[in-house]
Amino acid sequence: MLTSINPKLPMRDKAATRDYYLNKLGFREYGNADYEGYLMVEKENVQIHFFEYKELDPKENYGQVYIRTDDIDHLYQSILDKKIDIHPDGELNTKLWGQREFSLLDPDNNLLTFGQSI
């Protein structure tokens, strides 16, 4: 009965979040309405929602999303080619649990981890 999951993450500034996800990561805005204080983005089969939280302290934000991919090496290289900052401890590597992963932090310190089974 369950068909998908769409995580909801906090954002301080809708314009900055929109710019990061659309112009840097290649997502597109989902839906045909612009809701005040709310943003939905989508890329391929991944959809992420954001709610406005102007008082958010990014240093205290622990929002996280794990996004699976089927071509981690190509995705990682495309991120590097776009000069998008990789998380300081998030360079592409193989984990003990059988995943190749890398991570990014969005403007509000939400952690985006991309992974592929090996």
PDB file of N, CA and C in Angstrom:
ATOM      1  N   MET A   1       0.810  -1.200   0.000  1.00  0.00           N
ATOM      2  CA  MET A   1       0.000   0.000   0.000  1.00  0.00           C
ATOM      3  C   MET A   1       0.852   1.263   0.000  1.00  0.00           C
ATOM      4  N   LEU A   2       2.010   1.256   0.624  1.00  0.00           N
ATOM      5  CA  LEU A   2       2.857   2.440   0.606  1.00  0.00           C
ATOM      6  C   LEU A   2       3.493   2.587  -0.773  1.00  0.00           C
ATOM      7  N   THR A   3       3.593   3.816  -1.271  1.00  0.00           N
ATOM      8  CA  THR A   3       4.123   4.009  -2.624  1.00  0.00           C
ATOM      9  C   THR A   3       5.356   4.887  -2.692  1.00  0.00           C
ATOM     10  N   SER A   4       5.545   5.798  -1.744  1.00  0.00           N
ATOM     11  CA  SER A   4       6.736   6.653  -1.775  1.00  0.00           C
ATOM     12  C   SER A   4       6.862   7.391  -0.454  1.00  0.00           C
ATOM     13  N   ILE A   5       7.997   8.051  -0.297  1.00  0.00           N
ATOM     14  CA  ILE A   5       8.218   8.890   0.870  1.00  0.00           C
ATOM     15  C   ILE A   5       8.787  10.221   0.382  1.00  0.00           C
ATOM     16  N   ASN A   6       8.293  11.307   0.947  1.00  0.00           N
ATOM     17  CA  ASN A   6       8.735  12.641   0.571  1.00  0.00           C
ATOM     18  C   ASN A   6       9.142  13.381   1.839  1.00  0.00           C
ATOM     19  N   PRO A   7      10.434  13.379   2.158  1.00  0.00           N
ATOM     20  CA  PRO A   7      10.865  14.022   3.399  1.00  0.00           C
ATOM     21  C   PRO A   7      10.586  15.517   3.397  1.00  0.00           C
ATOM     22  N   LYS A   8      10.376  16.056   4.593  1.00  0.00           N
ATOM     23  CA  LYS A   8      10.156  17.485   4.787  1.00  0.00           C
ATOM     24  C   LYS A   8      11.313  18.016   5.626  1.00  0.00           C
ATOM     25  N   LEU A   9      12.002  19.010   5.087  1.00  0.00           N
ATOM     26  CA  LEU A   9      13.166  19.587   5.737  1.00  0.00           C
ATOM     27  C   LEU A   9      12.935  21.072   6.013  1.00  0.00           C
ATOM     28  N   PRO A  10      13.583  21.610   7.040  1.00  0.00           N
ATOM     29  CA  PRO A  10      13.427  23.035   7.326  1.00  0.00           C
ATOM     30  C   PRO A  10      14.261  23.898   6.385  1.00  0.00           C
ATOM     31  N   MET A  11      13.770  25.118   6.138  1.00  0.00           N
ATOM     32  CA  MET A  11      14.509  26.112   5.355  1.00  0.00           C
ATOM     33  C   MET A  11      14.281  27.478   5.981  1.00  0.00           C
ATOM     34  N   ARG A  12      15.306  28.296   5.954  1.00  0.00           N
ATOM     35  CA  ARG A  12      15.180  29.661   6.457  1.00  0.00           C
ATOM     36  C   ARG A  12      14.710  30.619   5.375  1.00  0.00           C
ATOM     37  N   ASP A  13      15.196  30.415   4.156  1.00  0.00           N
ATOM     38  CA  ASP A  13      14.969  31.358   3.059  1.00  0.00           C
ATOM     39  C   ASP A  13      14.564  30.565   1.819  1.00  0.00           C
ATOM     40  N   LYS A  14      13.317  30.691   1.440  1.00  0.00           N
ATOM     41  CA  LYS A  14      12.789  29.919   0.315  1.00  0.00           C
ATOM     42  C   LYS A  14      13.559  30.200  -0.974  1.00  0.00           C
ATOM     43  N   ALA A  15      13.906  31.448  -1.237  1.00  0.00           N
ATOM     44  CA  ALA A  15      14.626  31.794  -2.469  1.00  0.00           C
ATOM     45  C   ALA A  15      15.997  31.125  -2.503  1.00  0.00           C
ATOM     46  N   ALA A  16      16.699  31.104  -1.377  1.00  0.00           N
ATOM     47  CA  ALA A  16      18.023  30.473  -1.320  1.00  0.00           C
ATOM     48  C   ALA A  16      17.916  28.964  -1.488  1.00  0.00           C
ATOM     49  N   THR A  17      16.916  28.367  -0.856  1.00  0.00           N
ATOM     50  CA  THR A  17      16.710  26.917  -0.991  1.00  0.00           C
ATOM     51  C   THR A  17      16.341  26.570  -2.421  1.00  0.00           C
ATOM     52  N   ARG A  18      15.442  27.318  -3.005  1.00  0.00           N
ATOM     53  CA  ARG A  18      15.034  27.095  -4.398  1.00  0.00           C
ATOM     54  C   ARG A  18      16.251  27.199  -5.317  1.00  0.00           C
ATOM     55  N   ASP A  19      17.047  28.224  -5.136  1.00  0.00           N
ATOM     56  CA  ASP A  19      18.229  28.420  -5.980  1.00  0.00           C
ATOM     57  C   ASP A  19      19.189  27.243  -5.866  1.00  0.00           C
ATOM     58  N   TYR A  20      19.459  26.775  -4.664  1.00  0.00           N
ATOM     59  CA  TYR A  20      20.396  25.673  -4.461  1.00  0.00           C
ATOM     60  C   TYR A  20      19.907  24.398  -5.143  1.00  0.00           C
ATOM     61  N   TYR A  21      18.673  24.042  -4.909  1.00  0.00           N
ATOM     62  CA  TYR A  21      18.163  22.778  -5.440  1.00  0.00           C
ATOM     63  C   TYR A  21      17.904  22.839  -6.946  1.00  0.00           C
ATOM     64  N   LEU A  22      17.387  23.950  -7.441  1.00  0.00           N
ATOM     65  CA  LEU A  22      17.089  24.047  -8.868  1.00  0.00           C
ATOM     66  C   LEU A  22      18.340  24.340  -9.687  1.00  0.00           C
ATOM     67  N   ASN A  23      19.090  25.347  -9.303  1.00  0.00           N
ATOM     68  CA  ASN A  23      20.205  25.799 -10.131  1.00  0.00           C
ATOM     69  C   ASN A  23      21.507  25.058  -9.899  1.00  0.00           C
ATOM     70  N   LYS A  24      21.699  24.487  -8.732  1.00  0.00           N
ATOM     71  CA  LYS A  24      22.932  23.737  -8.479  1.00  0.00           C
ATOM     72  C   LYS A  24      22.731  22.237  -8.629  1.00  0.00           C
ATOM     73  N   LEU A  25      21.686  21.701  -8.014  1.00  0.00           N
ATOM     74  CA  LEU A  25      21.498  20.253  -8.015  1.00  0.00           C
ATOM     75  C   LEU A  25      20.619  19.739  -9.153  1.00  0.00           C
ATOM     76  N   GLY A  26      19.988  20.636  -9.900  1.00  0.00           N
ATOM     77  CA  GLY A  26      19.223  20.213 -11.061  1.00  0.00           C
ATOM     78  C   GLY A  26      17.825  19.694 -10.788  1.00  0.00           C
ATOM     79  N   PHE A  27      17.288  19.996  -9.612  1.00  0.00           N
ATOM     80  CA  PHE A  27      15.895  19.652  -9.336  1.00  0.00           C
ATOM     81  C   PHE A  27      15.002  20.639 -10.090  1.00  0.00           C
ATOM     82  N   ARG A  28      13.723  20.334 -10.143  1.00  0.00           N
ATOM     83  CA  ARG A  28      12.743  21.278 -10.672  1.00  0.00           C
ATOM     84  C   ARG A  28      11.673  21.457  -9.613  1.00  0.00           C
ATOM     85  N   GLU A  29      11.005  22.596  -9.676  1.00  0.00           N
ATOM     86  CA  GLU A  29       9.942  22.836  -8.711  1.00  0.00           C
ATOM     87  C   GLU A  29       8.763  21.924  -9.035  1.00  0.00           C
ATOM     88  N   TYR A  30       8.184  21.338  -8.005  1.00  0.00           N
ATOM     89  CA  TYR A  30       7.065  20.417  -8.159  1.00  0.00           C
ATOM     90  C   TYR A  30       5.764  21.159  -7.906  1.00  0.00           C
ATOM     91  N   GLY A  31       4.769  20.859  -8.696  1.00  0.00           N
ATOM     92  CA  GLY A  31       3.459  21.464  -8.520  1.00  0.00           C
ATOM     93  C   GLY A  31       3.328  22.752  -9.316  1.00  0.00           C
ATOM     94  N   ASN A  32       2.120  23.247  -9.375  1.00  0.00           N
ATOM     95  CA  ASN A  32       1.874  24.456 -10.160  1.00  0.00           C
ATOM     96  C   ASN A  32       1.452  25.637  -9.299  1.00  0.00           C
ATOM     97  N   ALA A  33       1.596  25.535  -8.009  1.00  0.00           N
ATOM     98  CA  ALA A  33       1.251  26.632  -7.110  1.00  0.00           C
ATOM     99  C   ALA A  33       2.459  26.998  -6.259  1.00  0.00           C
ATOM    100  N   ASP A  34       2.589  28.269  -5.954  1.00  0.00           N
ATOM    101  CA  ASP A  34       3.670  28.751  -5.107  1.00  0.00           C
ATOM    102  C   ASP A  34       3.088  29.030  -3.721  1.00  0.00           C
ATOM    103  N   TYR A  35       3.308  28.096  -2.800  1.00  0.00           N
ATOM    104  CA  TYR A  35       2.756  28.228  -1.456  1.00  0.00           C
ATOM    105  C   TYR A  35       3.694  29.043  -0.576  1.00  0.00           C
ATOM    106  N   GLU A  36       3.145  29.966   0.154  1.00  0.00           N
ATOM    107  CA  GLU A  36       3.945  30.773   1.057  1.00  0.00           C
ATOM    108  C   GLU A  36       4.557  29.885   2.142  1.00  0.00           C
ATOM    109  N   GLY A  37       5.867  29.986   2.312  1.00  0.00           N
ATOM    110  CA  GLY A  37       6.542  29.241   3.364  1.00  0.00           C
ATOM    111  C   GLY A  37       6.696  27.762   3.098  1.00  0.00           C
ATOM    112  N   TYR A  38       6.464  27.318   1.864  1.00  0.00           N
ATOM    113  CA  TYR A  38       6.559  25.895   1.550  1.00  0.00           C
ATOM    114  C   TYR A  38       7.108  25.738   0.141  1.00  0.00           C
ATOM    115  N   LEU A  39       7.960  24.730  -0.049  1.00  0.00           N
ATOM    116  CA  LEU A  39       8.584  24.486  -1.348  1.00  0.00           C
ATOM    117  C   LEU A  39       8.654  22.983  -1.573  1.00  0.00           C
ATOM    118  N   MET A  40       8.368  22.569  -2.789  1.00  0.00           N
ATOM    119  CA  MET A  40       8.488  21.163  -3.171  1.00  0.00           C
ATOM    120  C   MET A  40       9.372  21.099  -4.414  1.00  0.00           C
ATOM    121  N   VAL A  41      10.388  20.225  -4.375  1.00  0.00           N
ATOM    122  CA  VAL A  41      11.271  20.044  -5.520  1.00  0.00           C
ATOM    123  C   VAL A  41      11.312  18.561  -5.883  1.00  0.00           C
ATOM    124  N   GLU A  42      11.668  18.304  -7.138  1.00  0.00           N
ATOM    125  CA  GLU A  42      11.667  16.931  -7.620  1.00  0.00           C
ATOM    126  C   GLU A  42      12.758  16.764  -8.666  1.00  0.00           C
ATOM    127  N   LYS A  43      13.393  15.598  -8.639  1.00  0.00           N
ATOM    128  CA  LYS A  43      14.359  15.215  -9.664  1.00  0.00           C
ATOM    129  C   LYS A  43      14.242  13.710  -9.831  1.00  0.00           C
ATOM    130  N   GLU A  44      13.929  13.299 -11.045  1.00  0.00           N
ATOM    131  CA  GLU A  44      13.708  11.889 -11.343  1.00  0.00           C
ATOM    132  C   GLU A  44      12.664  11.344 -10.374  1.00  0.00           C
ATOM    133  N   ASN A  45      12.982  10.353  -9.565  1.00  0.00           N
ATOM    134  CA  ASN A  45      12.000   9.765  -8.646  1.00  0.00           C
ATOM    135  C   ASN A  45      12.115  10.285  -7.218  1.00  0.00           C
ATOM    136  N   VAL A  46      12.836  11.378  -7.023  1.00  0.00           N
ATOM    137  CA  VAL A  46      13.065  11.913  -5.682  1.00  0.00           C
ATOM    138  C   VAL A  46      12.327  13.241  -5.536  1.00  0.00           C
ATOM    139  N   GLN A  47      11.542  13.338  -4.489  1.00  0.00           N
ATOM    140  CA  GLN A  47      10.823  14.574  -4.184  1.00  0.00           C
ATOM    141  C   GLN A  47      11.130  14.953  -2.736  1.00  0.00           C
ATOM    142  N   ILE A  48      11.492  16.229  -2.542  1.00  0.00           N
ATOM    143  CA  ILE A  48      11.789  16.743  -1.202  1.00  0.00           C
ATOM    144  C   ILE A  48      10.910  17.965  -0.969  1.00  0.00           C
ATOM    145  N   HIS A  49      10.322  18.048   0.215  1.00  0.00           N
ATOM    146  CA  HIS A  49       9.506  19.197   0.603  1.00  0.00           C
ATOM    147  C   HIS A  49      10.279  20.001   1.649  1.00  0.00           C
ATOM    148  N   PHE A  50      10.033  21.300   1.675  1.00  0.00           N
ATOM    149  CA  PHE A  50      10.668  22.197   2.639  1.00  0.00           C
ATOM    150  C   PHE A  50       9.614  23.079   3.277  1.00  0.00           C
ATOM    151  N   PHE A  51       9.746  23.281   4.584  1.00  0.00           N
ATOM    152  CA  PHE A  51       8.852  24.182   5.299  1.00  0.00           C
ATOM    153  C   PHE A  51       9.690  25.321   5.865  1.00  0.00           C
ATOM    154  N   GLU A  52       9.102  26.503   5.868  1.00  0.00           N
ATOM    155  CA  GLU A  52       9.814  27.683   6.343  1.00  0.00           C
ATOM    156  C   GLU A  52       9.983  27.644   7.858  1.00  0.00           C
ATOM    157  N   TYR A  53      11.211  27.895   8.279  1.00  0.00           N
ATOM    158  CA  TYR A  53      11.544  27.975   9.696  1.00  0.00           C
ATOM    159  C   TYR A  53      12.613  29.063   9.814  1.00  0.00           C
ATOM    160  N   LYS A  54      12.150  30.318   9.828  1.00  0.00           N
ATOM    161  CA  LYS A  54      13.056  31.472   9.782  1.00  0.00           C
ATOM    162  C   LYS A  54      14.023  31.520  10.963  1.00  0.00           C
ATOM    163  N   GLU A  55      13.624  30.984  12.105  1.00  0.00           N
ATOM    164  CA  GLU A  55      14.471  31.038  13.303  1.00  0.00           C
ATOM    165  C   GLU A  55      15.473  29.889  13.365  1.00  0.00           C
ATOM    166  N   LEU A  56      15.511  29.054  12.353  1.00  0.00           N
ATOM    167  CA  LEU A  56      16.408  27.902  12.348  1.00  0.00           C
ATOM    168  C   LEU A  56      17.860  28.333  12.503  1.00  0.00           C
ATOM    169  N   ASP A  57      18.555  27.713  13.418  1.00  0.00           N
ATOM    170  CA  ASP A  57      19.999  27.886  13.553  1.00  0.00           C
ATOM    171  C   ASP A  57      20.646  26.719  12.817  1.00  0.00           C
ATOM    172  N   PRO A  58      21.283  26.970  11.659  1.00  0.00           N
ATOM    173  CA  PRO A  58      21.855  25.863  10.881  1.00  0.00           C
ATOM    174  C   PRO A  58      22.810  24.982  11.676  1.00  0.00           C
ATOM    175  N   LYS A  59      23.482  25.540  12.668  1.00  0.00           N
ATOM    176  CA  LYS A  59      24.409  24.743  13.477  1.00  0.00           C
ATOM    177  C   LYS A  59      23.670  23.732  14.352  1.00  0.00           C
ATOM    178  N   GLU A  60      22.370  23.927  14.535  1.00  0.00           N
ATOM    179  CA  GLU A  60      21.570  23.015  15.352  1.00  0.00           C
ATOM    180  C   GLU A  60      20.577  22.220  14.515  1.00  0.00           C
ATOM    181  N   ASN A  61      20.728  22.251  13.198  1.00  0.00           N
ATOM    182  CA  ASN A  61      19.823  21.530  12.308  1.00  0.00           C
ATOM    183  C   ASN A  61      20.388  20.148  12.014  1.00  0.00           C
ATOM    184  N   TYR A  62      19.577  19.139  12.238  1.00  0.00           N
ATOM    185  CA  TYR A  62      20.001  17.768  11.995  1.00  0.00           C
ATOM    186  C   TYR A  62      19.156  17.089  10.920  1.00  0.00           C
ATOM    187  N   GLY A  63      18.544  17.912  10.024  1.00  0.00           N
ATOM    188  CA  GLY A  63      17.775  17.353   8.922  1.00  0.00           C
ATOM    189  C   GLY A  63      18.685  16.526   8.018  1.00  0.00           C
ATOM    190  N   GLN A  64      18.225  15.332   7.655  1.00  0.00           N
ATOM    191  CA  GLN A  64      19.030  14.430   6.828  1.00  0.00           C
ATOM    192  C   GLN A  64      18.146  13.660   5.869  1.00  0.00           C
ATOM    193  N   VAL A  65      18.681  13.431   4.668  1.00  0.00           N
ATOM    194  CA  VAL A  65      17.997  12.615   3.673  1.00  0.00           C
ATOM    195  C   VAL A  65      19.048  11.709   3.033  1.00  0.00           C
ATOM    196  N   TYR A  66      18.689  10.442   2.858  1.00  0.00           N
ATOM    197  CA  TYR A  66      19.551   9.481   2.164  1.00  0.00           C
ATOM    198  C   TYR A  66      18.905   9.213   0.807  1.00  0.00           C
ATOM    199  N   ILE A  67      19.635   9.510  -0.266  1.00  0.00           N
ATOM    200  CA  ILE A  67      19.113   9.379  -1.626  1.00  0.00           C
ATOM    201  C   ILE A  67      19.906   8.302  -2.348  1.00  0.00           C
ATOM    202  N   ARG A  68      19.227   7.280  -2.784  1.00  0.00           N
ATOM    203  CA  ARG A  68      19.889   6.191  -3.509  1.00  0.00           C
ATOM    204  C   ARG A  68      20.028   6.556  -4.987  1.00  0.00           C
ATOM    205  N   THR A  69      21.121   6.087  -5.583  1.00  0.00           N
ATOM    206  CA  THR A  69      21.400   6.320  -6.990  1.00  0.00           C
ATOM    207  C   THR A  69      21.902   5.030  -7.621  1.00  0.00           C
ATOM    208  N   ASP A  70      21.853   4.964  -8.939  1.00  0.00           N
ATOM    209  CA  ASP A  70      22.389   3.788  -9.632  1.00  0.00           C
ATOM    210  C   ASP A  70      23.656   4.112 -10.420  1.00  0.00           C
ATOM    211  N   ASP A  71      24.192   5.344 -10.248  1.00  0.00           N
ATOM    212  CA  ASP A  71      25.439   5.730 -10.919  1.00  0.00           C
ATOM    213  C   ASP A  71      26.174   6.760 -10.064  1.00  0.00           C
ATOM    214  N   ILE A  72      26.632   6.322  -8.903  1.00  0.00           N
ATOM    215  CA  ILE A  72      27.242   7.222  -7.920  1.00  0.00           C
ATOM    216  C   ILE A  72      28.477   7.933  -8.451  1.00  0.00           C
ATOM    217  N   ASP A  73      29.289   7.240  -9.236  1.00  0.00           N
ATOM    218  CA  ASP A  73      30.519   7.862  -9.741  1.00  0.00           C
ATOM    219  C   ASP A  73      30.201   9.017 -10.685  1.00  0.00           C
ATOM    220  N   HIS A  74      29.255   8.824 -11.576  1.00  0.00           N
ATOM    221  CA  HIS A  74      28.860   9.884 -12.503  1.00  0.00           C
ATOM    222  C   HIS A  74      28.231  11.056 -11.742  1.00  0.00           C
ATOM    223  N   LEU A  75      27.355  10.760 -10.802  1.00  0.00           N
ATOM    224  CA  LEU A  75      26.719  11.811 -10.011  1.00  0.00           C
ATOM    225  C   LEU A  75      27.754  12.612  -9.241  1.00  0.00           C
ATOM    226  N   TYR A  76      28.685  11.926  -8.605  1.00  0.00           N
ATOM    227  CA  TYR A  76      29.733  12.612  -7.835  1.00  0.00           C
ATOM    228  C   TYR A  76      30.562  13.519  -8.745  1.00  0.00           C
ATOM    229  N   GLN A  77      30.942  13.014  -9.904  1.00  0.00           N
ATOM    230  CA  GLN A  77      31.747  13.819 -10.828  1.00  0.00           C
ATOM    231  C   GLN A  77      30.962  15.041 -11.305  1.00  0.00           C
ATOM    232  N   SER A  78      29.671  14.875 -11.544  1.00  0.00           N
ATOM    233  CA  SER A  78      28.865  16.027 -11.981  1.00  0.00           C
ATOM    234  C   SER A  78      28.777  17.091 -10.886  1.00  0.00           C
ATOM    235  N   ILE A  79      28.728  16.661  -9.639  1.00  0.00           N
ATOM    236  CA  ILE A  79      28.721  17.603  -8.509  1.00  0.00           C
ATOM    237  C   ILE A  79      30.059  18.353  -8.456  1.00  0.00           C
ATOM    238  N   LEU A  80      31.154  17.626  -8.620  1.00  0.00           N
ATOM    239  CA  LEU A  80      32.474  18.253  -8.631  1.00  0.00           C
ATOM    240  C   LEU A  80      32.603  19.220  -9.799  1.00  0.00           C
ATOM    241  N   ASP A  81      32.120  18.813 -10.972  1.00  0.00           N
ATOM    242  CA  ASP A  81      32.205  19.666 -12.162  1.00  0.00           C
ATOM    243  C   ASP A  81      31.442  20.976 -11.974  1.00  0.00           C
ATOM    244  N   LYS A  82      30.358  20.937 -11.211  1.00  0.00           N
ATOM    245  CA  LYS A  82      29.566  22.144 -10.942  1.00  0.00           C
ATOM    246  C   LYS A  82      30.144  22.957  -9.788  1.00  0.00           C
ATOM    247  N   LYS A  83      31.237  22.453  -9.209  1.00  0.00           N
ATOM    248  CA  LYS A  83      31.911  23.122  -8.088  1.00  0.00           C
ATOM    249  C   LYS A  83      30.994  23.316  -6.872  1.00  0.00           C
ATOM    250  N   ILE A  84      30.155  22.310  -6.640  1.00  0.00           N
ATOM    251  CA  ILE A  84      29.293  22.295  -5.460  1.00  0.00           C
ATOM    252  C   ILE A  84      30.109  21.737  -4.303  1.00  0.00           C
ATOM    253  N   ASP A  85      30.044  22.391  -3.172  1.00  0.00           N
ATOM    254  CA  ASP A  85      30.824  21.965  -2.010  1.00  0.00           C
ATOM    255  C   ASP A  85      30.371  20.598  -1.515  1.00  0.00           C
ATOM    256  N   ILE A  86      31.345  19.727  -1.316  1.00  0.00           N
ATOM    257  CA  ILE A  86      31.124  18.423  -0.700  1.00  0.00           C
ATOM    258  C   ILE A  86      31.235  18.611   0.818  1.00  0.00           C
ATOM    259  N   HIS A  87      30.447  17.877   1.572  1.00  0.00           N
ATOM    260  CA  HIS A  87      30.546  17.913   3.037  1.00  0.00           C
ATOM    261  C   HIS A  87      31.999  17.663   3.427  1.00  0.00           C
ATOM    262  N   PRO A  88      32.519  18.373   4.437  1.00  0.00           N
ATOM    263  CA  PRO A  88      33.925  18.189   4.823  1.00  0.00           C
ATOM    264  C   PRO A  88      34.325  16.736   5.088  1.00  0.00           C
ATOM    265  N   ASP A  89      33.421  15.930   5.582  1.00  0.00           N
ATOM    266  CA  ASP A  89      33.707  14.509   5.815  1.00  0.00           C
ATOM    267  C   ASP A  89      32.937  13.631   4.838  1.00  0.00           C
ATOM    268  N   GLY A  90      32.508  14.192   3.701  1.00  0.00           N
ATOM    269  CA  GLY A  90      31.592  13.482   2.838  1.00  0.00           C
ATOM    270  C   GLY A  90      32.087  13.136   1.454  1.00  0.00           C
ATOM    271  N   GLU A  91      33.395  13.064   1.258  1.00  0.00           N
ATOM    272  CA  GLU A  91      33.899  12.697  -0.064  1.00  0.00           C
ATOM    273  C   GLU A  91      33.469  11.279  -0.412  1.00  0.00           C
ATOM    274  N   LEU A  92      33.400  10.991  -1.695  1.00  0.00           N
ATOM    275  CA  LEU A  92      32.977   9.675  -2.165  1.00  0.00           C
ATOM    276  C   LEU A  92      33.928   8.599  -1.660  1.00  0.00           C
ATOM    277  N   ASN A  93      33.366   7.610  -1.005  1.00  0.00           N
ATOM    278  CA  ASN A  93      34.150   6.448  -0.582  1.00  0.00           C
ATOM    279  C   ASN A  93      33.238   5.267  -0.315  1.00  0.00           C
ATOM    280  N   THR A  94      33.852   4.127  -0.162  1.00  0.00           N
ATOM    281  CA  THR A  94      33.115   2.890   0.087  1.00  0.00           C
ATOM    282  C   THR A  94      33.024   2.666   1.589  1.00  0.00           C
ATOM    283  N   LYS A  95      31.814   2.440   2.058  1.00  0.00           N
ATOM    284  CA  LYS A  95      31.562   2.252   3.485  1.00  0.00           C
ATOM    285  C   LYS A  95      31.599   0.770   3.839  1.00  0.00           C
ATOM    286  N   LEU A  96      31.817   0.480   5.111  1.00  0.00           N
ATOM    287  CA  LEU A  96      31.872  -0.896   5.590  1.00  0.00           C
ATOM    288  C   LEU A  96      30.564  -1.641   5.359  1.00  0.00           C
ATOM    289  N   TRP A  97      29.462  -0.907   5.266  1.00  0.00           N
ATOM    290  CA  TRP A  97      28.149  -1.530   5.117  1.00  0.00           C
ATOM    291  C   TRP A  97      27.771  -1.768   3.653  1.00  0.00           C
ATOM    292  N   GLY A  98      28.749  -1.693   2.749  1.00  0.00           N
ATOM    293  CA  GLY A  98      28.517  -2.073   1.364  1.00  0.00           C
ATOM    294  C   GLY A  98      27.885  -1.007   0.488  1.00  0.00           C
ATOM    295  N   GLN A  99      28.092   0.253   0.839  1.00  0.00           N
ATOM    296  CA  GLN A  99      27.575   1.365   0.047  1.00  0.00           C
ATOM    297  C   GLN A  99      28.729   2.268  -0.370  1.00  0.00           C
ATOM    298  N   ARG A 100      28.636   2.839  -1.572  1.00  0.00           N
ATOM    299  CA  ARG A 100      29.515   3.951  -1.967  1.00  0.00           C
ATOM    300  C   ARG A 100      28.684   5.202  -1.746  1.00  0.00           C
ATOM    301  N   GLU A 101      29.237   6.154  -1.004  1.00  0.00           N
ATOM    302  CA  GLU A 101      28.471   7.326  -0.588  1.00  0.00           C
ATOM    303  C   GLU A 101      29.285   8.605  -0.673  1.00  0.00           C
ATOM    304  N   PHE A 102      28.553   9.721  -0.817  1.00  0.00           N
ATOM    305  CA  PHE A 102      29.107  11.051  -0.588  1.00  0.00           C
ATOM    306  C   PHE A 102      27.990  11.926  -0.047  1.00  0.00           C
ATOM    307  N   SER A 103      28.368  13.071   0.544  1.00  0.00           N
ATOM    308  CA  SER A 103      27.378  13.920   1.205  1.00  0.00           C
ATOM    309  C   SER A 103      27.586  15.393   0.883  1.00  0.00           C
ATOM    310  N   LEU A 104      26.476  16.127   0.917  1.00  0.00           N
ATOM    311  CA  LEU A 104      26.452  17.577   0.739  1.00  0.00           C
ATOM    312  C   LEU A 104      25.672  18.194   1.886  1.00  0.00           C
ATOM    313  N   LEU A 105      25.913  19.468   2.131  1.00  0.00           N
ATOM    314  CA  LEU A 105      25.095  20.242   3.059  1.00  0.00           C
ATOM    315  C   LEU A 105      24.410  21.348   2.270  1.00  0.00           C
ATOM    316  N   ASP A 106      23.100  21.484   2.417  1.00  0.00           N
ATOM    317  CA  ASP A 106      22.395  22.555   1.727  1.00  0.00           C
ATOM    318  C   ASP A 106      22.543  23.858   2.519  1.00  0.00           C
ATOM    319  N   PRO A 107      21.986  24.965   2.049  1.00  0.00           N
ATOM    320  CA  PRO A 107      22.180  26.253   2.742  1.00  0.00           C
ATOM    321  C   PRO A 107      21.725  26.273   4.202  1.00  0.00           C
ATOM    322  N   ASP A 108      20.864  25.347   4.590  1.00  0.00           N
ATOM    323  CA  ASP A 108      20.377  25.306   5.973  1.00  0.00           C
ATOM    324  C   ASP A 108      20.985  24.182   6.787  1.00  0.00           C
ATOM    325  N   ASN A 109      22.033  23.577   6.256  1.00  0.00           N
ATOM    326  CA  ASN A 109      22.761  22.507   6.937  1.00  0.00           C
ATOM    327  C   ASN A 109      22.006  21.185   6.936  1.00  0.00           C
ATOM    328  N   ASN A 110      21.030  21.023   6.047  1.00  0.00           N
ATOM    329  CA  ASN A 110      20.403  19.715   5.861  1.00  0.00           C
ATOM    330  C   ASN A 110      21.415  18.832   5.153  1.00  0.00           C
ATOM    331  N   LEU A 111      21.631  17.637   5.678  1.00  0.00           N
ATOM    332  CA  LEU A 111      22.606  16.707   5.121  1.00  0.00           C
ATOM    333  C   LEU A 111      21.950  15.856   4.036  1.00  0.00           C
ATOM    334  N   LEU A 112      22.522  15.895   2.836  1.00  0.00           N
ATOM    335  CA  LEU A 112      22.068  15.073   1.726  1.00  0.00           C
ATOM    336  C   LEU A 112      23.145  14.033   1.469  1.00  0.00           C
ATOM    337  N   THR A 113      22.845  12.773   1.730  1.00  0.00           N
ATOM    338  CA  THR A 113      23.788  11.689   1.471  1.00  0.00           C
ATOM    339  C   THR A 113      23.288  10.897   0.276  1.00  0.00           C
ATOM    340  N   PHE A 114      24.167  10.695  -0.689  1.00  0.00           N
ATOM    341  CA  PHE A 114      23.859   9.926  -1.892  1.00  0.00           C
ATOM    342  C   PHE A 114      24.588   8.617  -1.794  1.00  0.00           C
ATOM    343  N   GLY A 115      23.918   7.502  -2.085  1.00  0.00           N
ATOM    344  CA  GLY A 115      24.544   6.205  -1.941  1.00  0.00           C
ATOM    345  C   GLY A 115      24.120   5.211  -2.998  1.00  0.00           C
ATOM    346  N   GLN A 116      25.038   4.264  -3.253  1.00  0.00           N
ATOM    347  CA  GLN A 116      24.778   3.169  -4.188  1.00  0.00           C
ATOM    348  C   GLN A 116      25.328   1.900  -3.585  1.00  0.00           C
ATOM    349  N   SER A 117      24.541   0.824  -3.645  1.00  0.00           N
ATOM    350  CA  SER A 117      25.008  -0.483  -3.188  1.00  0.00           C
ATOM    351  C   SER A 117      26.105  -0.988  -4.105  1.00  0.00           C
ATOM    352  N   ILE A 118      27.083  -1.679  -3.487  1.00  0.00           N
ATOM    353  CA  ILE A 118      28.159  -2.257  -4.303  1.00  0.00           C
ATOM    354  C   ILE A 118      28.065  -3.762  -4.274  1.00  0.00           C
TER     355      ILE A 118
END
